[in-house]
Amino acid sequence: MATSRTDPLTLEVVELIGTVVARYYEEYEQAAAQHALTGAQARVLGLLSLEPLPMRHIAQKLKCEPSNITGIVDRLEARGLVERRPDPADRRVKLAAPTEAGRTTARHLRESLDFAREPLGELTEAERTLLRDLLRRMLGVETGRHAP
C-alpha cells in the first residue's frame, strides 16, 4: 500500500527535512560572510575546489542560469580566488578553477560548517550509513556509488 503524502508521519518528515535545509543554508551564509563571500559565491568556490568546471556545468550542478555563474566567477576571479583556463580536452572551452587562495578559502569554509557535522557525529556509523542510503534512495541515486 502506498503511503499518503498527507499522512502525519510524511508531513513531519517533510517538515524536518525543510528545517535541516534551512539551518544548513543559514549556517552556510554565515560561514560565507566570515570570508566576505555570498552564499552563492561560497557554493561555487566549494564546487570548484573539487574539480575545475566549465560555467555551464557549474550552472547545471547548482540549478541556475549560466549568466548568474559568469557573474559569480567574475567576482571570485577579481578577488584572486578563481581563474579561468582553457580546457585541455577542448581549448575552445574555458574552465573555472580555484587558485591556491581559493582552495584554502574553500577548505576553511568546509571546516567552519559545524551544523551538519556535530549532529551527525552523534550518530553511529551504521546510522549515518542508513541515513545516507535513505537520502540517496529518495534522490534516485544508486547506493554504492557517490552521489552527484
N, C-alpha and C. Protein backbone atom coordinates (compact mmCIF):
# COMPACT_ATOMS: atom_id res chain seq x y z
N MET A 1 0.84 -1.18 0.00
CA MET A 1 0.00 0.00 0.00
C MET A 1 0.89 1.24 0.00
N ALA A 2 0.62 2.17 -0.89
CA ALA A 2 1.40 3.39 -1.00
C ALA A 2 1.09 4.32 0.18
N THR A 3 2.09 5.06 0.61
CA THR A 3 1.92 6.00 1.71
C THR A 3 1.27 7.27 1.19
N SER A 4 0.30 7.77 1.92
CA SER A 4 -0.34 9.03 1.56
C SER A 4 0.66 10.16 1.76
N ARG A 5 0.61 11.13 0.89
CA ARG A 5 1.55 12.26 1.02
C ARG A 5 1.12 13.22 2.11
N THR A 6 -0.07 12.98 2.67
CA THR A 6 -0.54 13.88 3.72
C THR A 6 -0.68 13.18 5.07
N ASP A 7 -0.16 11.96 5.19
CA ASP A 7 -0.24 11.31 6.49
C ASP A 7 0.68 12.05 7.46
N PRO A 8 0.38 12.02 8.76
CA PRO A 8 1.15 12.80 9.73
C PRO A 8 2.65 12.51 9.72
N LEU A 9 3.04 11.26 9.57
CA LEU A 9 4.46 10.92 9.57
C LEU A 9 5.17 11.55 8.37
N THR A 10 4.57 11.43 7.19
CA THR A 10 5.18 12.03 5.99
C THR A 10 5.29 13.54 6.15
N LEU A 11 4.23 14.18 6.66
CA LEU A 11 4.27 15.63 6.86
C LEU A 11 5.37 16.02 7.85
N GLU A 12 5.54 15.24 8.91
CA GLU A 12 6.60 15.53 9.88
C GLU A 12 7.98 15.37 9.26
N VAL A 13 8.19 14.31 8.46
CA VAL A 13 9.48 14.09 7.80
C VAL A 13 9.78 15.25 6.85
N VAL A 14 8.79 15.67 6.07
CA VAL A 14 8.98 16.79 5.14
C VAL A 14 9.35 18.06 5.91
N GLU A 15 8.66 18.29 7.02
CA GLU A 15 8.95 19.47 7.85
C GLU A 15 10.38 19.41 8.41
N LEU A 16 10.78 18.23 8.88
CA LEU A 16 12.14 18.07 9.42
C LEU A 16 13.20 18.28 8.34
N ILE A 17 12.97 17.74 7.15
CA ILE A 17 13.92 17.94 6.05
C ILE A 17 14.01 19.44 5.73
N GLY A 18 12.87 20.12 5.70
CA GLY A 18 12.87 21.57 5.46
C GLY A 18 13.66 22.33 6.51
N THR A 19 13.52 21.93 7.76
CA THR A 19 14.26 22.58 8.85
C THR A 19 15.76 22.34 8.70
N VAL A 20 16.15 21.12 8.38
CA VAL A 20 17.57 20.80 8.17
C VAL A 20 18.14 21.66 7.04
N VAL A 21 17.41 21.74 5.92
CA VAL A 21 17.89 22.51 4.77
C VAL A 21 18.01 23.99 5.15
N ALA A 22 17.01 24.54 5.82
CA ALA A 22 17.04 25.96 6.20
C ALA A 22 18.21 26.25 7.14
N ARG A 23 18.44 25.36 8.11
CA ARG A 23 19.57 25.57 9.03
C ARG A 23 20.90 25.45 8.31
N TYR A 24 21.00 24.52 7.37
CA TYR A 24 22.24 24.36 6.59
C TYR A 24 22.53 25.64 5.81
N TYR A 25 21.52 26.16 5.09
CA TYR A 25 21.75 27.36 4.30
C TYR A 25 22.05 28.57 5.17
N GLU A 26 21.41 28.66 6.33
CA GLU A 26 21.69 29.76 7.25
C GLU A 26 23.14 29.71 7.71
N GLU A 27 23.61 28.53 8.09
CA GLU A 27 25.00 28.40 8.53
C GLU A 27 25.97 28.64 7.37
N TYR A 28 25.60 28.16 6.18
CA TYR A 28 26.46 28.35 5.01
C TYR A 28 26.61 29.84 4.72
N GLU A 29 25.51 30.61 4.81
CA GLU A 29 25.56 32.06 4.59
C GLU A 29 26.45 32.73 5.63
N GLN A 30 26.34 32.30 6.89
CA GLN A 30 27.16 32.88 7.96
C GLN A 30 28.64 32.57 7.72
N ALA A 31 28.95 31.33 7.37
CA ALA A 31 30.34 30.95 7.10
C ALA A 31 30.88 31.73 5.91
N ALA A 32 30.07 31.88 4.88
CA ALA A 32 30.50 32.63 3.69
C ALA A 32 30.79 34.08 4.06
N ALA A 33 29.91 34.68 4.88
CA ALA A 33 30.08 36.08 5.27
C ALA A 33 31.38 36.30 6.03
N GLN A 34 31.83 35.28 6.79
CA GLN A 34 33.10 35.40 7.51
C GLN A 34 34.27 35.55 6.55
N HIS A 35 34.08 35.12 5.31
CA HIS A 35 35.12 35.24 4.29
C HIS A 35 34.76 36.31 3.25
N ALA A 36 33.81 37.18 3.62
CA ALA A 36 33.33 38.25 2.74
C ALA A 36 32.82 37.71 1.41
N LEU A 37 32.14 36.56 1.46
CA LEU A 37 31.54 35.95 0.27
C LEU A 37 30.03 35.86 0.46
N THR A 38 29.32 35.83 -0.65
CA THR A 38 27.90 35.49 -0.58
C THR A 38 27.79 33.97 -0.50
N GLY A 39 26.62 33.49 -0.14
CA GLY A 39 26.40 32.05 -0.11
C GLY A 39 26.62 31.43 -1.49
N ALA A 40 26.14 32.13 -2.53
CA ALA A 40 26.30 31.61 -3.90
C ALA A 40 27.77 31.54 -4.28
N GLN A 41 28.55 32.56 -3.92
CA GLN A 41 29.98 32.54 -4.23
C GLN A 41 30.66 31.39 -3.49
N ALA A 42 30.28 31.18 -2.24
CA ALA A 42 30.88 30.10 -1.46
C ALA A 42 30.53 28.74 -2.06
N ARG A 43 29.28 28.57 -2.52
CA ARG A 43 28.89 27.29 -3.12
C ARG A 43 29.67 27.03 -4.41
N VAL A 44 29.85 28.07 -5.24
CA VAL A 44 30.62 27.91 -6.48
C VAL A 44 32.07 27.57 -6.14
N LEU A 45 32.65 28.28 -5.20
CA LEU A 45 34.04 28.02 -4.82
C LEU A 45 34.18 26.60 -4.26
N GLY A 46 33.23 26.17 -3.44
CA GLY A 46 33.28 24.82 -2.90
C GLY A 46 33.19 23.77 -3.99
N LEU A 47 32.34 24.00 -4.97
CA LEU A 47 32.20 23.07 -6.09
C LEU A 47 33.49 23.02 -6.91
N LEU A 48 34.07 24.18 -7.18
CA LEU A 48 35.31 24.23 -7.98
C LEU A 48 36.50 23.64 -7.23
N SER A 49 36.43 23.63 -5.90
CA SER A 49 37.56 23.06 -5.14
C SER A 49 37.62 21.54 -5.34
N LEU A 50 36.53 20.95 -5.81
CA LEU A 50 36.52 19.51 -6.10
C LEU A 50 37.13 19.22 -7.46
N GLU A 51 36.81 20.09 -8.45
CA GLU A 51 37.37 19.94 -9.79
C GLU A 51 37.06 21.19 -10.61
N PRO A 52 37.97 21.61 -11.49
CA PRO A 52 37.67 22.72 -12.39
C PRO A 52 36.50 22.34 -13.31
N LEU A 53 35.64 23.32 -13.59
CA LEU A 53 34.44 23.04 -14.40
C LEU A 53 34.15 24.18 -15.37
N PRO A 54 33.54 23.85 -16.52
CA PRO A 54 33.02 24.90 -17.40
C PRO A 54 31.82 25.57 -16.72
N MET A 55 31.54 26.82 -17.08
CA MET A 55 30.43 27.57 -16.47
C MET A 55 29.10 26.82 -16.58
N ARG A 56 28.85 26.23 -17.75
CA ARG A 56 27.54 25.58 -17.93
C ARG A 56 27.38 24.38 -17.01
N HIS A 57 28.48 23.69 -16.68
CA HIS A 57 28.40 22.56 -15.75
C HIS A 57 28.15 23.05 -14.32
N ILE A 58 28.76 24.17 -13.97
CA ILE A 58 28.50 24.76 -12.65
C ILE A 58 27.02 25.12 -12.54
N ALA A 59 26.50 25.76 -13.59
CA ALA A 59 25.09 26.15 -13.60
C ALA A 59 24.18 24.93 -13.48
N GLN A 60 24.51 23.87 -14.18
CA GLN A 60 23.69 22.65 -14.10
C GLN A 60 23.71 22.06 -12.70
N LYS A 61 24.90 21.98 -12.10
CA LYS A 61 25.02 21.39 -10.77
C LYS A 61 24.29 22.22 -9.71
N LEU A 62 24.34 23.55 -9.87
CA LEU A 62 23.70 24.43 -8.88
C LEU A 62 22.28 24.83 -9.30
N LYS A 63 21.84 24.32 -10.44
CA LYS A 63 20.50 24.57 -10.94
C LYS A 63 20.17 26.06 -11.03
N CYS A 64 21.02 26.76 -11.79
CA CYS A 64 20.77 28.18 -12.01
C CYS A 64 21.22 28.56 -13.42
N GLU A 65 21.01 29.79 -13.78
CA GLU A 65 21.32 30.26 -15.13
C GLU A 65 22.83 30.43 -15.30
N PRO A 66 23.37 30.05 -16.48
CA PRO A 66 24.81 30.24 -16.73
C PRO A 66 25.25 31.70 -16.58
N SER A 67 24.38 32.65 -16.94
CA SER A 67 24.76 34.07 -16.81
C SER A 67 25.00 34.44 -15.35
N ASN A 68 24.25 33.85 -14.42
CA ASN A 68 24.49 34.09 -13.00
C ASN A 68 25.87 33.58 -12.59
N ILE A 69 26.23 32.41 -13.11
CA ILE A 69 27.52 31.80 -12.77
C ILE A 69 28.66 32.66 -13.31
N THR A 70 28.49 33.20 -14.51
CA THR A 70 29.53 34.05 -15.08
C THR A 70 29.81 35.23 -14.15
N GLY A 71 28.76 35.86 -13.64
CA GLY A 71 28.94 37.00 -12.72
C GLY A 71 29.60 36.59 -11.42
N ILE A 72 29.21 35.44 -10.89
CA ILE A 72 29.80 34.95 -9.65
C ILE A 72 31.29 34.64 -9.86
N VAL A 73 31.60 33.96 -10.97
CA VAL A 73 33.00 33.63 -11.27
C VAL A 73 33.81 34.91 -11.50
N ASP A 74 33.21 35.90 -12.16
CA ASP A 74 33.90 37.19 -12.37
C ASP A 74 34.30 37.79 -11.02
N ARG A 75 33.37 37.79 -10.05
CA ARG A 75 33.66 38.38 -8.74
C ARG A 75 34.71 37.56 -7.98
N LEU A 76 34.63 36.23 -8.08
CA LEU A 76 35.64 35.38 -7.43
C LEU A 76 37.01 35.56 -8.08
N GLU A 77 37.02 35.74 -9.40
CA GLU A 77 38.27 35.97 -10.12
C GLU A 77 38.89 37.31 -9.71
N ALA A 78 38.06 38.33 -9.57
CA ALA A 78 38.55 39.65 -9.17
C ALA A 78 39.19 39.61 -7.77
N ARG A 79 38.75 38.69 -6.94
CA ARG A 79 39.30 38.54 -5.59
C ARG A 79 40.49 37.59 -5.56
N GLY A 80 40.86 37.02 -6.71
CA GLY A 80 42.00 36.12 -6.76
C GLY A 80 41.71 34.72 -6.25
N LEU A 81 40.43 34.34 -6.18
CA LEU A 81 40.06 33.03 -5.65
C LEU A 81 39.83 32.00 -6.76
N VAL A 82 39.56 32.48 -7.97
CA VAL A 82 39.27 31.61 -9.11
C VAL A 82 39.99 32.16 -10.33
N GLU A 83 40.36 31.28 -11.24
CA GLU A 83 40.94 31.69 -12.52
C GLU A 83 40.25 30.92 -13.63
N ARG A 84 40.27 31.53 -14.82
CA ARG A 84 39.75 30.83 -15.99
C ARG A 84 40.95 30.30 -16.76
N ARG A 85 40.80 29.06 -17.26
CA ARG A 85 41.88 28.47 -18.05
C ARG A 85 41.26 27.61 -19.14
N PRO A 86 42.01 27.39 -20.23
CA PRO A 86 41.48 26.54 -21.30
C PRO A 86 41.31 25.10 -20.83
N ASP A 87 40.27 24.45 -21.33
CA ASP A 87 40.04 23.03 -21.05
C ASP A 87 41.04 22.24 -21.90
N PRO A 88 41.88 21.41 -21.28
CA PRO A 88 42.86 20.64 -22.06
C PRO A 88 42.20 19.74 -23.11
N ALA A 89 40.96 19.30 -22.84
CA ALA A 89 40.27 18.41 -23.78
C ALA A 89 39.65 19.18 -24.95
N ASP A 90 39.35 20.48 -24.75
CA ASP A 90 38.73 21.30 -25.81
C ASP A 90 39.12 22.74 -25.54
N ARG A 91 40.12 23.22 -26.25
CA ARG A 91 40.67 24.55 -25.97
C ARG A 91 39.68 25.68 -26.23
N ARG A 92 38.55 25.37 -26.87
CA ARG A 92 37.52 26.40 -27.07
C ARG A 92 36.74 26.65 -25.79
N VAL A 93 36.79 25.69 -24.85
CA VAL A 93 36.03 25.78 -23.61
C VAL A 93 36.93 26.31 -22.50
N LYS A 94 36.39 27.24 -21.71
CA LYS A 94 37.12 27.77 -20.56
C LYS A 94 36.62 27.08 -19.29
N LEU A 95 37.58 26.67 -18.46
CA LEU A 95 37.25 26.08 -17.17
C LEU A 95 37.44 27.13 -16.08
N ALA A 96 36.57 27.12 -15.10
CA ALA A 96 36.79 27.92 -13.90
C ALA A 96 37.49 26.99 -12.91
N ALA A 97 38.58 27.47 -12.33
CA ALA A 97 39.37 26.64 -11.42
C ALA A 97 39.80 27.50 -10.23
N PRO A 98 39.86 26.90 -9.04
CA PRO A 98 40.28 27.68 -7.87
C PRO A 98 41.79 27.94 -7.92
N THR A 99 42.17 29.10 -7.44
CA THR A 99 43.59 29.39 -7.23
C THR A 99 43.97 28.75 -5.90
N GLU A 100 45.23 28.84 -5.53
CA GLU A 100 45.65 28.31 -4.22
C GLU A 100 44.87 29.01 -3.10
N ALA A 101 44.71 30.33 -3.21
CA ALA A 101 43.93 31.08 -2.21
C ALA A 101 42.48 30.61 -2.20
N GLY A 102 41.93 30.28 -3.36
CA GLY A 102 40.57 29.79 -3.46
C GLY A 102 40.42 28.43 -2.79
N ARG A 103 41.39 27.55 -3.01
CA ARG A 103 41.34 26.22 -2.36
C ARG A 103 41.42 26.36 -0.84
N THR A 104 42.27 27.25 -0.38
CA THR A 104 42.41 27.48 1.06
C THR A 104 41.11 28.03 1.64
N THR A 105 40.51 28.99 0.96
CA THR A 105 39.24 29.58 1.42
C THR A 105 38.15 28.52 1.44
N ALA A 106 38.07 27.69 0.40
CA ALA A 106 37.06 26.63 0.34
C ALA A 106 37.25 25.64 1.50
N ARG A 107 38.50 25.32 1.81
CA ARG A 107 38.77 24.40 2.91
C ARG A 107 38.33 25.03 4.24
N HIS A 108 38.63 26.31 4.45
CA HIS A 108 38.24 27.00 5.68
C HIS A 108 36.72 27.05 5.80
N LEU A 109 36.04 27.26 4.66
CA LEU A 109 34.58 27.26 4.67
C LEU A 109 34.05 25.90 5.13
N ARG A 110 34.56 24.84 4.52
CA ARG A 110 34.11 23.48 4.89
C ARG A 110 34.36 23.21 6.37
N GLU A 111 35.52 23.63 6.87
CA GLU A 111 35.87 23.38 8.27
C GLU A 111 34.97 24.15 9.23
N SER A 112 34.42 25.28 8.79
CA SER A 112 33.61 26.10 9.69
C SER A 112 32.14 25.71 9.70
N LEU A 113 31.75 24.74 8.87
CA LEU A 113 30.36 24.29 8.84
C LEU A 113 30.16 23.19 9.88
N ASP A 114 29.70 23.59 11.06
CA ASP A 114 29.54 22.64 12.17
C ASP A 114 28.14 22.05 12.22
N PHE A 115 27.15 22.74 11.66
CA PHE A 115 25.76 22.33 11.84
C PHE A 115 25.54 20.86 11.52
N ALA A 116 25.93 20.45 10.35
CA ALA A 116 25.68 19.05 9.95
C ALA A 116 26.65 18.11 10.66
N ARG A 117 27.90 18.53 10.80
CA ARG A 117 28.92 17.63 11.35
C ARG A 117 28.63 17.26 12.80
N GLU A 118 28.25 18.24 13.63
CA GLU A 118 28.06 17.95 15.05
C GLU A 118 26.93 16.96 15.29
N PRO A 119 25.71 17.20 14.77
CA PRO A 119 24.65 16.21 15.00
C PRO A 119 24.96 14.87 14.34
N LEU A 120 25.58 14.88 13.17
CA LEU A 120 25.91 13.62 12.51
C LEU A 120 26.96 12.85 13.31
N GLY A 121 27.84 13.58 13.97
CA GLY A 121 28.86 12.94 14.78
C GLY A 121 28.28 12.17 15.96
N GLU A 122 27.05 12.53 16.37
CA GLU A 122 26.40 11.84 17.47
C GLU A 122 25.74 10.54 17.01
N LEU A 123 25.62 10.35 15.70
CA LEU A 123 25.05 9.11 15.17
C LEU A 123 26.16 8.07 15.01
N THR A 124 25.79 6.82 15.14
CA THR A 124 26.78 5.76 14.90
C THR A 124 27.08 5.69 13.41
N GLU A 125 28.14 4.99 13.07
CA GLU A 125 28.47 4.83 11.66
C GLU A 125 27.33 4.12 10.92
N ALA A 126 26.72 3.13 11.57
CA ALA A 126 25.60 2.40 10.95
C ALA A 126 24.42 3.34 10.71
N GLU A 127 24.15 4.25 11.65
CA GLU A 127 23.04 5.20 11.49
C GLU A 127 23.34 6.19 10.36
N ARG A 128 24.59 6.68 10.30
CA ARG A 128 24.97 7.61 9.22
C ARG A 128 24.89 6.91 7.87
N THR A 129 25.30 5.65 7.81
CA THR A 129 25.22 4.88 6.56
C THR A 129 23.76 4.71 6.14
N LEU A 130 22.90 4.38 7.09
CA LEU A 130 21.48 4.22 6.79
C LEU A 130 20.88 5.54 6.31
N LEU A 131 21.21 6.63 6.99
CA LEU A 131 20.70 7.95 6.58
C LEU A 131 21.17 8.29 5.17
N ARG A 132 22.45 8.08 4.90
CA ARG A 132 22.98 8.33 3.56
C ARG A 132 22.25 7.51 2.51
N ASP A 133 22.07 6.22 2.79
CA ASP A 133 21.41 5.35 1.82
C ASP A 133 19.96 5.75 1.60
N LEU A 134 19.26 6.14 2.67
CA LEU A 134 17.87 6.59 2.52
C LEU A 134 17.79 7.88 1.71
N LEU A 135 18.70 8.82 1.97
CA LEU A 135 18.71 10.07 1.21
C LEU A 135 19.02 9.81 -0.26
N ARG A 136 19.99 8.93 -0.53
CA ARG A 136 20.30 8.58 -1.92
C ARG A 136 19.08 7.96 -2.59
N ARG A 137 18.38 7.08 -1.87
CA ARG A 137 17.18 6.44 -2.43
C ARG A 137 16.11 7.47 -2.75
N MET A 138 15.92 8.43 -1.83
CA MET A 138 14.94 9.49 -2.06
C MET A 138 15.28 10.30 -3.31
N LEU A 139 16.59 10.49 -3.54
CA LEU A 139 17.05 11.28 -4.69
C LEU A 139 17.21 10.46 -5.95
N GLY A 140 16.98 9.15 -5.85
CA GLY A 140 17.12 8.29 -7.02
C GLY A 140 18.55 8.01 -7.40
N VAL A 141 19.45 8.08 -6.42
CA VAL A 141 20.88 7.82 -6.65
C VAL A 141 21.16 6.41 -6.14
N GLU A 142 21.84 5.64 -6.98
CA GLU A 142 22.16 4.25 -6.59
C GLU A 142 23.04 4.23 -5.35
N THR A 143 22.74 3.33 -4.42
CA THR A 143 23.61 3.11 -3.27
C THR A 143 24.84 2.37 -3.77
N GLY A 144 25.97 2.70 -3.21
CA GLY A 144 27.19 2.02 -3.64
C GLY A 144 28.03 2.87 -4.57
N ARG A 145 27.48 3.99 -5.05
CA ARG A 145 28.30 4.93 -5.81
C ARG A 145 28.10 6.30 -5.22
N HIS A 146 28.98 7.20 -5.53
CA HIS A 146 28.93 8.52 -4.91
C HIS A 146 27.79 9.34 -5.48
N ALA A 147 27.17 10.10 -4.60
CA ALA A 147 26.08 11.00 -5.02
C ALA A 147 26.65 12.13 -5.85
N PRO A 148 25.83 12.73 -6.72
CA PRO A 148 26.34 13.82 -7.57
C PRO A 148 26.70 15.04 -6.76
